[in-house]
Amino acid sequence: MYLLRLTRPLQAFKPLPTLTLRFVSRSAFLNDFYKNPTMPGPVYTSIQEKLSAALEPTQLEIVDDSAKHAGHAAMKGLAKGETHFRVVVVSNAFEGKPQIKRHQLIYQILDEELKAQVHALSLTTKTPAEFEKLKA
């Protein structure tokens, strides 16, 4: 039999800080990781590079949801792969712009991807102040 004896009261133990990888639950992150453990594809990488360069975001989250839509009728005849994305962008570039202008800006930045491969793009666009309000 093993005996566990605490040498300090429980209040003395402080949890270690955690690194937040994405603004989603930990279980959602693990589910996404295990569904698609491969490296990001070329469309994902292009979206990431273009949005980072153009908007200098403080937070950028890109989720490839293509696997969830593989059997849909609209996807028949299209190349398999990166077709559906969820994107969260937090940037000072959105300051003073309504949501429609923010989305139009992103559509302009990602014009090539939208014309060639991307079938669906779900956008969440926030300023840093708006994003902080969501976290509170």
N, C-alpha and C. Protein backbone atom coordinates (compact mmCIF):
# COMPACT_ATOMS: atom_id res chain seq x y z
N MET A 1 0.85 -1.17 0.00
CA MET A 1 0.00 0.00 0.00
C MET A 1 0.90 1.24 0.00
N TYR A 2 0.46 2.25 -0.74
CA TYR A 2 1.19 3.50 -0.81
C TYR A 2 0.50 4.56 0.02
N LEU A 3 1.30 5.40 0.62
CA LEU A 3 0.77 6.48 1.44
C LEU A 3 1.21 7.80 0.83
N LEU A 4 0.28 8.67 0.59
CA LEU A 4 0.58 9.99 0.05
C LEU A 4 0.46 11.00 1.18
N ARG A 5 1.55 11.70 1.44
CA ARG A 5 1.51 12.70 2.48
C ARG A 5 1.85 14.06 1.86
N LEU A 6 1.00 15.03 2.11
CA LEU A 6 1.25 16.38 1.62
C LEU A 6 2.18 17.08 2.60
N THR A 7 3.23 17.67 2.06
CA THR A 7 4.16 18.39 2.92
C THR A 7 3.80 19.86 3.03
N ARG A 8 2.94 20.34 2.12
CA ARG A 8 2.46 21.72 2.18
C ARG A 8 0.95 21.70 2.08
N PRO A 9 0.29 22.69 2.64
CA PRO A 9 -1.16 22.73 2.48
C PRO A 9 -1.51 22.93 1.00
N LEU A 10 -2.68 22.49 0.60
CA LEU A 10 -3.10 22.59 -0.80
C LEU A 10 -3.10 24.01 -1.32
N GLN A 11 -3.35 24.98 -0.47
CA GLN A 11 -3.39 26.38 -0.91
C GLN A 11 -2.02 26.84 -1.42
N ALA A 12 -0.96 26.18 -1.03
CA ALA A 12 0.38 26.61 -1.44
C ALA A 12 0.69 26.23 -2.89
N PHE A 13 -0.06 25.30 -3.45
CA PHE A 13 0.17 24.89 -4.83
C PHE A 13 -0.57 25.83 -5.77
N LYS A 14 0.16 26.36 -6.72
CA LYS A 14 -0.45 27.26 -7.70
C LYS A 14 -0.43 26.56 -9.06
N PRO A 15 -1.51 26.65 -9.80
CA PRO A 15 -1.51 26.00 -11.12
C PRO A 15 -0.53 26.71 -12.05
N LEU A 16 0.06 25.94 -12.93
CA LEU A 16 0.97 26.52 -13.91
C LEU A 16 0.17 27.27 -14.96
N PRO A 17 0.70 28.37 -15.47
CA PRO A 17 -0.02 29.08 -16.53
C PRO A 17 -0.07 28.21 -17.78
N THR A 18 -1.16 28.34 -18.51
CA THR A 18 -1.32 27.55 -19.73
C THR A 18 -1.21 28.46 -20.94
N LEU A 19 -0.74 27.91 -22.00
CA LEU A 19 -0.61 28.64 -23.26
C LEU A 19 -1.90 28.44 -24.05
N THR A 20 -2.56 29.53 -24.40
CA THR A 20 -3.78 29.44 -25.17
C THR A 20 -3.43 29.40 -26.65
N LEU A 21 -3.71 28.29 -27.28
CA LEU A 21 -3.39 28.14 -28.70
C LEU A 21 -4.46 28.74 -29.59
N ARG A 22 -5.70 28.58 -29.17
CA ARG A 22 -6.81 29.09 -29.97
C ARG A 22 -7.90 29.53 -29.02
N PHE A 23 -8.80 30.35 -29.50
CA PHE A 23 -9.92 30.83 -28.69
C PHE A 23 -11.08 29.84 -28.80
N VAL A 24 -10.80 28.60 -28.45
CA VAL A 24 -11.81 27.55 -28.44
C VAL A 24 -11.53 26.64 -27.26
N SER A 25 -12.43 25.75 -26.98
CA SER A 25 -12.22 24.85 -25.85
C SER A 25 -11.08 23.88 -26.15
N ARG A 26 -10.49 23.37 -25.11
CA ARG A 26 -9.37 22.45 -25.25
C ARG A 26 -9.82 21.18 -25.98
N SER A 27 -11.01 20.69 -25.68
CA SER A 27 -11.48 19.46 -26.34
C SER A 27 -11.69 19.69 -27.83
N ALA A 28 -12.18 20.87 -28.22
CA ALA A 28 -12.36 21.16 -29.64
C ALA A 28 -11.01 21.18 -30.35
N PHE A 29 -10.00 21.73 -29.69
CA PHE A 29 -8.67 21.76 -30.28
C PHE A 29 -8.16 20.33 -30.49
N LEU A 30 -8.31 19.48 -29.49
CA LEU A 30 -7.83 18.10 -29.61
C LEU A 30 -8.60 17.34 -30.68
N ASN A 31 -9.91 17.57 -30.77
CA ASN A 31 -10.69 16.91 -31.81
C ASN A 31 -10.18 17.28 -33.19
N ASP A 32 -9.94 18.58 -33.42
CA ASP A 32 -9.43 19.03 -34.72
C ASP A 32 -8.06 18.43 -34.99
N PHE A 33 -7.22 18.36 -33.95
CA PHE A 33 -5.87 17.84 -34.13
C PHE A 33 -5.90 16.38 -34.55
N TYR A 34 -6.71 15.58 -33.88
CA TYR A 34 -6.73 14.15 -34.18
C TYR A 34 -7.44 13.84 -35.49
N LYS A 35 -8.36 14.69 -35.93
CA LYS A 35 -9.02 14.48 -37.22
C LYS A 35 -8.05 14.73 -38.37
N ASN A 36 -7.21 15.75 -38.23
CA ASN A 36 -6.31 16.13 -39.30
C ASN A 36 -4.92 16.42 -38.74
N PRO A 37 -4.15 15.36 -38.42
CA PRO A 37 -2.85 15.56 -37.80
C PRO A 37 -1.76 15.97 -38.77
N THR A 38 -2.08 16.09 -40.06
CA THR A 38 -1.06 16.42 -41.05
C THR A 38 -0.74 17.91 -41.02
N MET A 39 0.29 18.26 -41.74
CA MET A 39 0.68 19.67 -41.83
C MET A 39 -0.37 20.44 -42.63
N PRO A 40 -0.48 21.75 -42.39
CA PRO A 40 -1.43 22.56 -43.16
C PRO A 40 -1.12 22.49 -44.65
N GLY A 41 -2.18 22.52 -45.44
CA GLY A 41 -2.02 22.44 -46.89
C GLY A 41 -1.68 23.79 -47.50
N PRO A 42 -1.52 23.83 -48.82
CA PRO A 42 -1.11 25.07 -49.49
C PRO A 42 -2.15 26.19 -49.42
N VAL A 43 -3.44 25.86 -49.46
CA VAL A 43 -4.46 26.90 -49.38
C VAL A 43 -4.48 27.50 -47.98
N TYR A 44 -4.43 26.66 -46.96
CA TYR A 44 -4.36 27.11 -45.57
C TYR A 44 -3.16 28.04 -45.38
N THR A 45 -2.01 27.60 -45.86
CA THR A 45 -0.78 28.38 -45.72
C THR A 45 -0.89 29.72 -46.45
N SER A 46 -1.47 29.71 -47.63
CA SER A 46 -1.65 30.94 -48.40
C SER A 46 -2.57 31.92 -47.66
N ILE A 47 -3.68 31.41 -47.11
CA ILE A 47 -4.60 32.25 -46.35
C ILE A 47 -3.88 32.86 -45.16
N GLN A 48 -3.14 32.04 -44.45
CA GLN A 48 -2.41 32.51 -43.27
C GLN A 48 -1.39 33.60 -43.64
N GLU A 49 -0.61 33.36 -44.67
CA GLU A 49 0.42 34.32 -45.07
C GLU A 49 -0.19 35.63 -45.55
N LYS A 50 -1.22 35.56 -46.38
CA LYS A 50 -1.82 36.78 -46.93
C LYS A 50 -2.50 37.63 -45.86
N LEU A 51 -3.27 36.98 -44.98
CA LEU A 51 -3.94 37.74 -43.92
C LEU A 51 -2.94 38.32 -42.93
N SER A 52 -1.90 37.57 -42.62
CA SER A 52 -0.87 38.06 -41.69
C SER A 52 -0.16 39.28 -42.27
N ALA A 53 0.19 39.21 -43.54
CA ALA A 53 0.91 40.32 -44.17
C ALA A 53 0.04 41.56 -44.33
N ALA A 54 -1.21 41.37 -44.73
CA ALA A 54 -2.07 42.51 -45.03
C ALA A 54 -2.68 43.16 -43.80
N LEU A 55 -3.01 42.36 -42.78
CA LEU A 55 -3.77 42.89 -41.64
C LEU A 55 -2.97 42.98 -40.34
N GLU A 56 -1.80 42.35 -40.29
CA GLU A 56 -1.00 42.30 -39.07
C GLU A 56 -1.87 41.99 -37.85
N PRO A 57 -2.54 40.84 -37.86
CA PRO A 57 -3.49 40.53 -36.79
C PRO A 57 -2.81 40.26 -35.45
N THR A 58 -3.53 40.59 -34.38
CA THR A 58 -3.07 40.22 -33.04
C THR A 58 -3.51 38.80 -32.72
N GLN A 59 -4.52 38.32 -33.42
CA GLN A 59 -5.02 36.95 -33.28
C GLN A 59 -5.48 36.49 -34.65
N LEU A 60 -5.04 35.32 -35.05
CA LEU A 60 -5.47 34.74 -36.32
C LEU A 60 -5.70 33.25 -36.11
N GLU A 61 -6.92 32.83 -36.34
CA GLU A 61 -7.27 31.41 -36.20
C GLU A 61 -7.87 30.95 -37.52
N ILE A 62 -7.31 29.90 -38.06
CA ILE A 62 -7.81 29.34 -39.31
C ILE A 62 -8.09 27.86 -39.06
N VAL A 63 -9.31 27.44 -39.34
CA VAL A 63 -9.69 26.04 -39.16
C VAL A 63 -10.17 25.50 -40.50
N ASP A 64 -9.56 24.43 -40.95
CA ASP A 64 -9.95 23.77 -42.19
C ASP A 64 -11.08 22.79 -41.87
N ASP A 65 -12.30 23.13 -42.28
CA ASP A 65 -13.47 22.29 -42.04
C ASP A 65 -13.84 21.44 -43.25
N SER A 66 -12.95 21.31 -44.19
CA SER A 66 -13.25 20.63 -45.45
C SER A 66 -13.73 19.19 -45.26
N ALA A 67 -13.15 18.48 -44.32
CA ALA A 67 -13.51 17.07 -44.11
C ALA A 67 -14.98 16.90 -43.73
N LYS A 68 -15.55 17.91 -43.08
CA LYS A 68 -16.95 17.84 -42.67
C LYS A 68 -17.92 17.94 -43.85
N HIS A 69 -17.43 18.42 -44.99
CA HIS A 69 -18.30 18.69 -46.14
C HIS A 69 -17.98 17.81 -47.35
N ALA A 70 -17.14 16.82 -47.18
CA ALA A 70 -16.65 16.02 -48.31
C ALA A 70 -17.77 15.32 -49.08
N GLY A 71 -18.82 14.87 -48.42
CA GLY A 71 -19.87 14.13 -49.12
C GLY A 71 -21.04 14.96 -49.61
N HIS A 72 -21.00 16.26 -49.42
CA HIS A 72 -22.11 17.12 -49.81
C HIS A 72 -22.24 17.22 -51.33
N ALA A 73 -23.46 17.38 -51.79
CA ALA A 73 -23.74 17.44 -53.23
C ALA A 73 -22.97 18.56 -53.92
N ALA A 74 -22.83 19.69 -53.27
CA ALA A 74 -22.13 20.83 -53.89
C ALA A 74 -20.65 20.54 -54.11
N MET A 75 -20.11 19.54 -53.42
CA MET A 75 -18.69 19.25 -53.52
C MET A 75 -18.38 18.23 -54.62
N LYS A 76 -19.41 17.64 -55.23
CA LYS A 76 -19.18 16.66 -56.30
C LYS A 76 -18.53 17.33 -57.50
N GLY A 77 -17.49 16.70 -57.99
CA GLY A 77 -16.80 17.24 -59.15
C GLY A 77 -15.69 18.21 -58.81
N LEU A 78 -15.63 18.65 -57.56
CA LEU A 78 -14.55 19.55 -57.16
C LEU A 78 -13.37 18.74 -56.65
N ALA A 79 -12.20 19.31 -56.76
CA ALA A 79 -11.00 18.65 -56.24
C ALA A 79 -11.14 18.46 -54.73
N LYS A 80 -10.70 17.31 -54.27
CA LYS A 80 -10.75 17.07 -52.83
C LYS A 80 -9.68 17.91 -52.16
N GLY A 81 -9.94 18.28 -50.93
CA GLY A 81 -8.93 19.04 -50.21
C GLY A 81 -9.50 20.23 -49.52
N GLU A 82 -8.76 21.29 -49.55
CA GLU A 82 -9.06 22.48 -48.76
C GLU A 82 -10.13 23.34 -49.44
N THR A 83 -11.36 23.21 -48.97
CA THR A 83 -12.46 23.93 -49.60
C THR A 83 -13.29 24.76 -48.63
N HIS A 84 -13.30 24.40 -47.35
CA HIS A 84 -14.13 25.07 -46.34
C HIS A 84 -13.25 25.53 -45.17
N PHE A 85 -13.33 26.81 -44.85
CA PHE A 85 -12.52 27.35 -43.76
C PHE A 85 -13.34 28.23 -42.83
N ARG A 86 -12.98 28.18 -41.55
CA ARG A 86 -13.46 29.14 -40.55
C ARG A 86 -12.26 29.99 -40.17
N VAL A 87 -12.43 31.30 -40.22
CA VAL A 87 -11.32 32.21 -39.94
C VAL A 87 -11.76 33.25 -38.91
N VAL A 88 -10.93 33.41 -37.89
CA VAL A 88 -11.13 34.47 -36.89
C VAL A 88 -9.93 35.40 -37.02
N VAL A 89 -10.19 36.68 -37.27
CA VAL A 89 -9.12 37.66 -37.40
C VAL A 89 -9.39 38.80 -36.43
N VAL A 90 -8.39 39.10 -35.61
CA VAL A 90 -8.45 40.25 -34.70
C VAL A 90 -7.34 41.20 -35.14
N SER A 91 -7.74 42.40 -35.56
CA SER A 91 -6.75 43.33 -36.12
C SER A 91 -7.17 44.78 -35.90
N ASN A 92 -6.18 45.63 -35.72
CA ASN A 92 -6.43 47.07 -35.64
C ASN A 92 -6.88 47.63 -36.99
N ALA A 93 -6.64 46.90 -38.06
CA ALA A 93 -7.05 47.36 -39.39
C ALA A 93 -8.57 47.45 -39.52
N PHE A 94 -9.31 46.81 -38.61
CA PHE A 94 -10.77 46.84 -38.65
C PHE A 94 -11.36 48.02 -37.88
N GLU A 95 -10.52 48.78 -37.23
CA GLU A 95 -10.99 49.91 -36.41
C GLU A 95 -11.80 50.88 -37.27
N GLY A 96 -13.02 51.18 -36.82
CA GLY A 96 -13.88 52.14 -37.51
C GLY A 96 -14.60 51.60 -38.74
N LYS A 97 -14.42 50.31 -39.05
CA LYS A 97 -15.07 49.72 -40.23
C LYS A 97 -16.24 48.85 -39.79
N PRO A 98 -17.37 48.93 -40.48
CA PRO A 98 -18.48 48.02 -40.18
C PRO A 98 -18.12 46.60 -40.64
N GLN A 99 -18.86 45.64 -40.17
CA GLN A 99 -18.58 44.24 -40.46
C GLN A 99 -18.52 43.96 -41.96
N ILE A 100 -19.42 44.52 -42.74
CA ILE A 100 -19.44 44.26 -44.18
C ILE A 100 -18.15 44.73 -44.85
N LYS A 101 -17.61 45.87 -44.43
CA LYS A 101 -16.35 46.38 -45.00
C LYS A 101 -15.17 45.50 -44.59
N ARG A 102 -15.21 44.97 -43.38
CA ARG A 102 -14.16 44.06 -42.91
C ARG A 102 -14.14 42.80 -43.76
N HIS A 103 -15.33 42.25 -44.01
CA HIS A 103 -15.42 41.04 -44.80
C HIS A 103 -15.00 41.30 -46.25
N GLN A 104 -15.41 42.43 -46.80
CA GLN A 104 -15.02 42.77 -48.17
C GLN A 104 -13.50 42.90 -48.28
N LEU A 105 -12.87 43.44 -47.25
CA LEU A 105 -11.41 43.57 -47.24
C LEU A 105 -10.76 42.18 -47.29
N ILE A 106 -11.28 41.26 -46.51
CA ILE A 106 -10.72 39.90 -46.51
C ILE A 106 -10.98 39.21 -47.85
N TYR A 107 -12.18 39.39 -48.42
CA TYR A 107 -12.47 38.81 -49.73
C TYR A 107 -11.50 39.33 -50.79
N GLN A 108 -11.17 40.61 -50.70
CA GLN A 108 -10.22 41.21 -51.64
C GLN A 108 -8.83 40.60 -51.45
N ILE A 109 -8.41 40.43 -50.21
CA ILE A 109 -7.09 39.85 -49.92
C ILE A 109 -7.00 38.41 -50.41
N LEU A 110 -8.08 37.65 -50.24
CA LEU A 110 -8.09 36.22 -50.58
C LEU A 110 -8.77 35.94 -51.93
N ASP A 111 -8.77 36.91 -52.81
CA ASP A 111 -9.47 36.79 -54.09
C ASP A 111 -9.06 35.55 -54.88
N GLU A 112 -7.77 35.29 -55.00
CA GLU A 112 -7.29 34.14 -55.78
C GLU A 112 -7.79 32.82 -55.20
N GLU A 113 -7.71 32.69 -53.88
CA GLU A 113 -8.13 31.45 -53.22
C GLU A 113 -9.64 31.23 -53.38
N LEU A 114 -10.41 32.31 -53.28
CA LEU A 114 -11.86 32.20 -53.39
C LEU A 114 -12.29 31.82 -54.81
N LYS A 115 -11.56 32.30 -55.80
CA LYS A 115 -11.90 31.98 -57.19
C LYS A 115 -11.47 30.56 -57.57
N ALA A 116 -10.39 30.09 -56.98
CA ALA A 116 -9.82 28.81 -57.40
C ALA A 116 -10.31 27.61 -56.61
N GLN A 117 -10.18 27.63 -55.30
CA GLN A 117 -10.38 26.41 -54.52
C GLN A 117 -11.39 26.55 -53.39
N VAL A 118 -11.42 27.69 -52.71
CA VAL A 118 -12.24 27.82 -51.51
C VAL A 118 -13.72 27.93 -51.88
N HIS A 119 -14.51 27.02 -51.34
CA HIS A 119 -15.95 26.97 -51.60
C HIS A 119 -16.73 27.75 -50.54
N ALA A 120 -16.25 27.72 -49.30
CA ALA A 120 -16.94 28.40 -48.20
C ALA A 120 -15.92 28.99 -47.23
N LEU A 121 -16.20 30.22 -46.81
CA LEU A 121 -15.33 30.93 -45.89
C LEU A 121 -16.19 31.59 -44.82
N SER A 122 -16.08 31.11 -43.60
CA SER A 122 -16.82 31.67 -42.47
C SER A 122 -15.89 32.64 -41.74
N LEU A 123 -16.32 33.89 -41.61
CA LEU A 123 -15.44 34.92 -41.04
C LEU A 123 -15.97 35.47 -39.72
N THR A 124 -15.05 35.67 -38.79
CA THR A 124 -15.30 36.44 -37.58
C THR A 124 -14.21 37.50 -37.56
N THR A 125 -14.60 38.76 -37.60
CA THR A 125 -13.64 39.86 -37.67
C THR A 125 -13.87 40.80 -36.50
N LYS A 126 -12.84 41.04 -35.71
CA LYS A 126 -12.95 41.88 -34.52
C LYS A 126 -11.74 42.79 -34.40
N THR A 127 -11.95 43.92 -33.73
CA THR A 127 -10.83 44.75 -33.31
C THR A 127 -10.31 44.16 -32.00
N PRO A 128 -9.10 44.52 -31.57
CA PRO A 128 -8.62 44.01 -30.28
C PRO A 128 -9.55 44.36 -29.11
N ALA A 129 -10.13 45.55 -29.12
CA ALA A 129 -11.05 45.95 -28.04
C ALA A 129 -12.31 45.08 -28.05
N GLU A 130 -12.86 44.82 -29.24
CA GLU A 130 -14.05 43.97 -29.34
C GLU A 130 -13.74 42.54 -28.89
N PHE A 131 -12.56 42.07 -29.22
CA PHE A 131 -12.15 40.72 -28.84
C PHE A 131 -11.99 40.61 -27.32
N GLU A 132 -11.43 41.63 -26.70
CA GLU A 132 -11.28 41.62 -25.24
C GLU A 132 -12.63 41.58 -24.55
N LYS A 133 -13.62 42.27 -25.10
CA LYS A 133 -14.97 42.24 -24.53
C LYS A 133 -15.56 40.83 -24.59
N LEU A 134 -15.27 40.10 -25.66
CA LEU A 134 -15.76 38.73 -25.79
C LEU A 134 -15.14 37.81 -24.74
N LYS A 135 -13.89 38.04 -24.44
CA LYS A 135 -13.18 37.19 -23.48
C LYS A 135 -13.61 37.47 -22.05
N ALA A 136 -14.14 38.66 -21.79
CA ALA A 136 -14.50 39.03 -20.42
C ALA A 136 -15.77 38.37 -19.95
